[in-house]
Amino acid sequence: MFLFKHALQLAVLFLLLGVSAVNAQEFLAPEAESSGEIQGLDFGTYRAVVNGTDYDVSPTCQVQINGTFGAFTMLEEGMFIEFTFLHYADGARVINSIVEVDSVEGV
């Protein structure tokens, strides 16, 4: 009985270690800045397309619209924005702040 209990504890430990390794992501991904026109929004999955590039949007993303506090769900396609995002080594880009602007250069 003791051997079975010990083996079960080890199996659970290895399972937990395996799950955490699969979901591992960089702790300190580099932050970058960009700007552009919103071309697509998916509020259900917190995703946005800006200038043809797909981004995830952090659920804690700070949004500013018309100079005041806003929310991701208040954004609209066609808006011009400046934003900061984390760029992970696996290619994921996660927006963490958005500011609506009147126009951006090059768009």
C-alpha atoms as a PDB file:
ATOM      1  CA  MET A   1       0.000   0.000   0.000  1.00  0.00           C
ATOM      2  CA  PHE A   2       2.827   2.399   0.870  1.00  0.00           C
ATOM      3  CA  LEU A   3       4.504   1.777  -2.483  1.00  0.00           C
ATOM      4  CA  PHE A   4       1.252   2.468  -4.382  1.00  0.00           C
ATOM      5  CA  LYS A   5       0.687   5.730  -2.478  1.00  0.00           C
ATOM      6  CA  HIS A   6       4.262   6.857  -3.158  1.00  0.00           C
ATOM      7  CA  ALA A   7       3.980   5.980  -6.859  1.00  0.00           C
ATOM      8  CA  LEU A   8       0.689   7.883  -7.095  1.00  0.00           C
ATOM      9  CA  GLN A   9       2.245  10.971  -5.495  1.00  0.00           C
ATOM     10  CA  LEU A  10       5.136  10.853  -7.965  1.00  0.00           C
ATOM     11  CA  ALA A  11       2.754  10.481 -10.910  1.00  0.00           C
ATOM     12  CA  VAL A  12       0.765  13.535  -9.787  1.00  0.00           C
ATOM     13  CA  LEU A  13       3.989  15.529  -9.337  1.00  0.00           C
ATOM     14  CA  PHE A  14       5.220  14.683 -12.833  1.00  0.00           C
ATOM     15  CA  LEU A  15       1.786  15.505 -14.286  1.00  0.00           C
ATOM     16  CA  LEU A  16       1.822  18.933 -12.625  1.00  0.00           C
ATOM     17  CA  LEU A  17       5.378  19.600 -13.793  1.00  0.00           C
ATOM     18  CA  GLY A  18       4.456  18.626 -17.344  1.00  0.00           C
ATOM     19  CA  VAL A  19       1.415  20.898 -17.417  1.00  0.00           C
ATOM     20  CA  SER A  20       3.374  23.870 -16.140  1.00  0.00           C
ATOM     21  CA  ALA A  21       6.105  23.332 -18.738  1.00  0.00           C
ATOM     22  CA  VAL A  22       3.572  23.302 -21.587  1.00  0.00           C
ATOM     23  CA  ASN A  23       2.070  26.619 -20.445  1.00  0.00           C
ATOM     24  CA  ALA A  24       5.443  28.235 -19.740  1.00  0.00           C
ATOM     25  CA  GLN A  25       6.010  31.623 -21.294  1.00  0.00           C
ATOM     26  CA  GLU A  26       8.751  34.165 -20.958  1.00  0.00           C
ATOM     27  CA  PHE A  27       8.538  36.153 -17.758  1.00  0.00           C
ATOM     28  CA  LEU A  28      10.166  39.295 -19.105  1.00  0.00           C
ATOM     29  CA  ALA A  29       9.278  39.583 -22.772  1.00  0.00           C
ATOM     30  CA  PRO A  30      10.571  42.740 -24.472  1.00  0.00           C
ATOM     31  CA  GLU A  31       8.079  45.568 -24.799  1.00  0.00           C
ATOM     32  CA  ALA A  32       7.653  47.381 -28.109  1.00  0.00           C
ATOM     33  CA  GLU A  33       5.615  50.309 -29.395  1.00  0.00           C
ATOM     34  CA  SER A  34       3.657  50.593 -32.606  1.00  0.00           C
ATOM     35  CA  SER A  35       0.765  52.416 -34.211  1.00  0.00           C
ATOM     36  CA  GLY A  36      -1.746  51.804 -36.955  1.00  0.00           C
ATOM     37  CA  GLU A  37      -5.331  51.336 -37.993  1.00  0.00           C
ATOM     38  CA  ILE A  38      -7.539  48.709 -36.368  1.00  0.00           C
ATOM     39  CA  GLN A  39      -8.643  46.339 -39.133  1.00  0.00           C
ATOM     40  CA  GLY A  40     -10.271  43.606 -37.068  1.00  0.00           C
ATOM     41  CA  LEU A  41     -11.512  42.998 -33.534  1.00  0.00           C
ATOM     42  CA  ASP A  42     -12.640  39.823 -31.784  1.00  0.00           C
ATOM     43  CA  PHE A  43     -13.966  40.687 -28.354  1.00  0.00           C
ATOM     44  CA  GLY A  44     -14.669  37.042 -27.467  1.00  0.00           C
ATOM     45  CA  THR A  45     -11.054  35.948 -27.799  1.00  0.00           C
ATOM     46  CA  TYR A  46      -9.401  39.298 -27.019  1.00  0.00           C
ATOM     47  CA  ARG A  47      -7.705  39.595 -30.389  1.00  0.00           C
ATOM     48  CA  ALA A  48      -7.093  42.505 -32.742  1.00  0.00           C
ATOM     49  CA  VAL A  49      -5.663  43.003 -36.218  1.00  0.00           C
ATOM     50  CA  VAL A  50      -3.666  46.219 -36.642  1.00  0.00           C
ATOM     51  CA  ASN A  51      -2.082  46.986 -40.025  1.00  0.00           C
ATOM     52  CA  GLY A  52      -2.427  43.339 -41.029  1.00  0.00           C
ATOM     53  CA  THR A  53      -0.709  41.915 -37.941  1.00  0.00           C
ATOM     54  CA  ASP A  54      -2.562  39.720 -35.444  1.00  0.00           C
ATOM     55  CA  TYR A  55      -2.269  40.604 -31.762  1.00  0.00           C
ATOM     56  CA  ASP A  56      -3.651  39.121 -28.585  1.00  0.00           C
ATOM     57  CA  VAL A  57      -4.964  41.759 -26.196  1.00  0.00           C
ATOM     58  CA  SER A  58      -4.323  41.444 -22.477  1.00  0.00           C
ATOM     59  CA  PRO A  59      -7.509  41.306 -20.384  1.00  0.00           C
ATOM     60  CA  THR A  60      -5.881  44.018 -18.237  1.00  0.00           C
ATOM     61  CA  CYS A  61      -5.086  46.224 -21.241  1.00  0.00           C
ATOM     62  CA  GLN A  62      -5.291  49.949 -20.475  1.00  0.00           C
ATOM     63  CA  VAL A  63      -7.372  51.721 -23.132  1.00  0.00           C
ATOM     64  CA  GLN A  64      -7.743  55.446 -23.713  1.00  0.00           C
ATOM     65  CA  ILE A  65     -10.412  56.713 -26.138  1.00  0.00           C
ATOM     66  CA  ASN A  66     -10.981  60.419 -26.833  1.00  0.00           C
ATOM     67  CA  GLY A  67      -8.548  61.282 -24.050  1.00  0.00           C
ATOM     68  CA  THR A  68     -10.409  59.374 -21.343  1.00  0.00           C
ATOM     69  CA  PHE A  69     -10.590  55.889 -19.858  1.00  0.00           C
ATOM     70  CA  GLY A  70     -12.042  53.273 -22.177  1.00  0.00           C
ATOM     71  CA  ALA A  71     -12.318  49.530 -22.613  1.00  0.00           C
ATOM     72  CA  PHE A  72     -11.211  47.075 -25.292  1.00  0.00           C
ATOM     73  CA  THR A  73     -14.866  46.466 -26.178  1.00  0.00           C
ATOM     74  CA  MET A  74     -15.290  50.189 -26.974  1.00  0.00           C
ATOM     75  CA  LEU A  75     -12.769  50.080 -29.824  1.00  0.00           C
ATOM     76  CA  GLU A  76     -13.989  50.055 -33.415  1.00  0.00           C
ATOM     77  CA  GLU A  77     -12.509  49.000 -36.725  1.00  0.00           C
ATOM     78  CA  GLY A  78     -11.041  51.971 -38.571  1.00  0.00           C
ATOM     79  CA  MET A  79      -9.756  53.707 -35.416  1.00  0.00           C
ATOM     80  CA  PHE A  80      -6.141  54.839 -35.378  1.00  0.00           C
ATOM     81  CA  ILE A  81      -4.190  53.786 -32.306  1.00  0.00           C
ATOM     82  CA  GLU A  82      -0.783  53.902 -30.710  1.00  0.00           C
ATOM     83  CA  PHE A  83      -0.059  50.884 -28.526  1.00  0.00           C
ATOM     84  CA  THR A  84       2.545  48.988 -26.556  1.00  0.00           C
ATOM     85  CA  PHE A  85       2.848  45.224 -26.656  1.00  0.00           C
ATOM     86  CA  LEU A  86       4.957  42.380 -25.349  1.00  0.00           C
ATOM     87  CA  HIS A  87       6.753  40.389 -28.055  1.00  0.00           C
ATOM     88  CA  TYR A  88       7.422  36.810 -26.935  1.00  0.00           C
ATOM     89  CA  ALA A  89      10.097  34.531 -28.395  1.00  0.00           C
ATOM     90  CA  ASP A  90       7.422  32.138 -29.698  1.00  0.00           C
ATOM     91  CA  GLY A  91       6.073  34.955 -31.910  1.00  0.00           C
ATOM     92  CA  ALA A  92       3.097  35.899 -29.741  1.00  0.00           C
ATOM     93  CA  ARG A  93       2.351  39.605 -29.459  1.00  0.00           C
ATOM     94  CA  VAL A  94       0.200  40.792 -26.551  1.00  0.00           C
ATOM     95  CA  ILE A  95      -1.061  44.384 -26.459  1.00  0.00           C
ATOM     96  CA  ASN A  96      -1.023  45.878 -22.956  1.00  0.00           C
ATOM     97  CA  SER A  97      -1.954  49.535 -23.619  1.00  0.00           C
ATOM     98  CA  ILE A  98      -3.867  51.367 -26.349  1.00  0.00           C
ATOM     99  CA  VAL A  99      -4.364  55.079 -26.982  1.00  0.00           C
ATOM    100  CA  GLU A 100      -6.718  56.279 -29.718  1.00  0.00           C
ATOM    101  CA  VAL A 101      -5.166  59.013 -31.876  1.00  0.00           C
ATOM    102  CA  ASP A 102      -6.473  61.166 -34.752  1.00  0.00           C
ATOM    103  CA  SER A 103      -3.960  59.810 -37.281  1.00  0.00           C
ATOM    104  CA  VAL A 104      -0.706  57.897 -37.585  1.00  0.00           C
ATOM    105  CA  GLU A 105       2.203  58.364 -39.972  1.00  0.00           C
ATOM    106  CA  GLY A 106       2.454  55.982 -42.890  1.00  0.00           C
ATOM    107  CA  VAL A 107      -1.163  54.816 -42.837  1.00  0.00           C
END
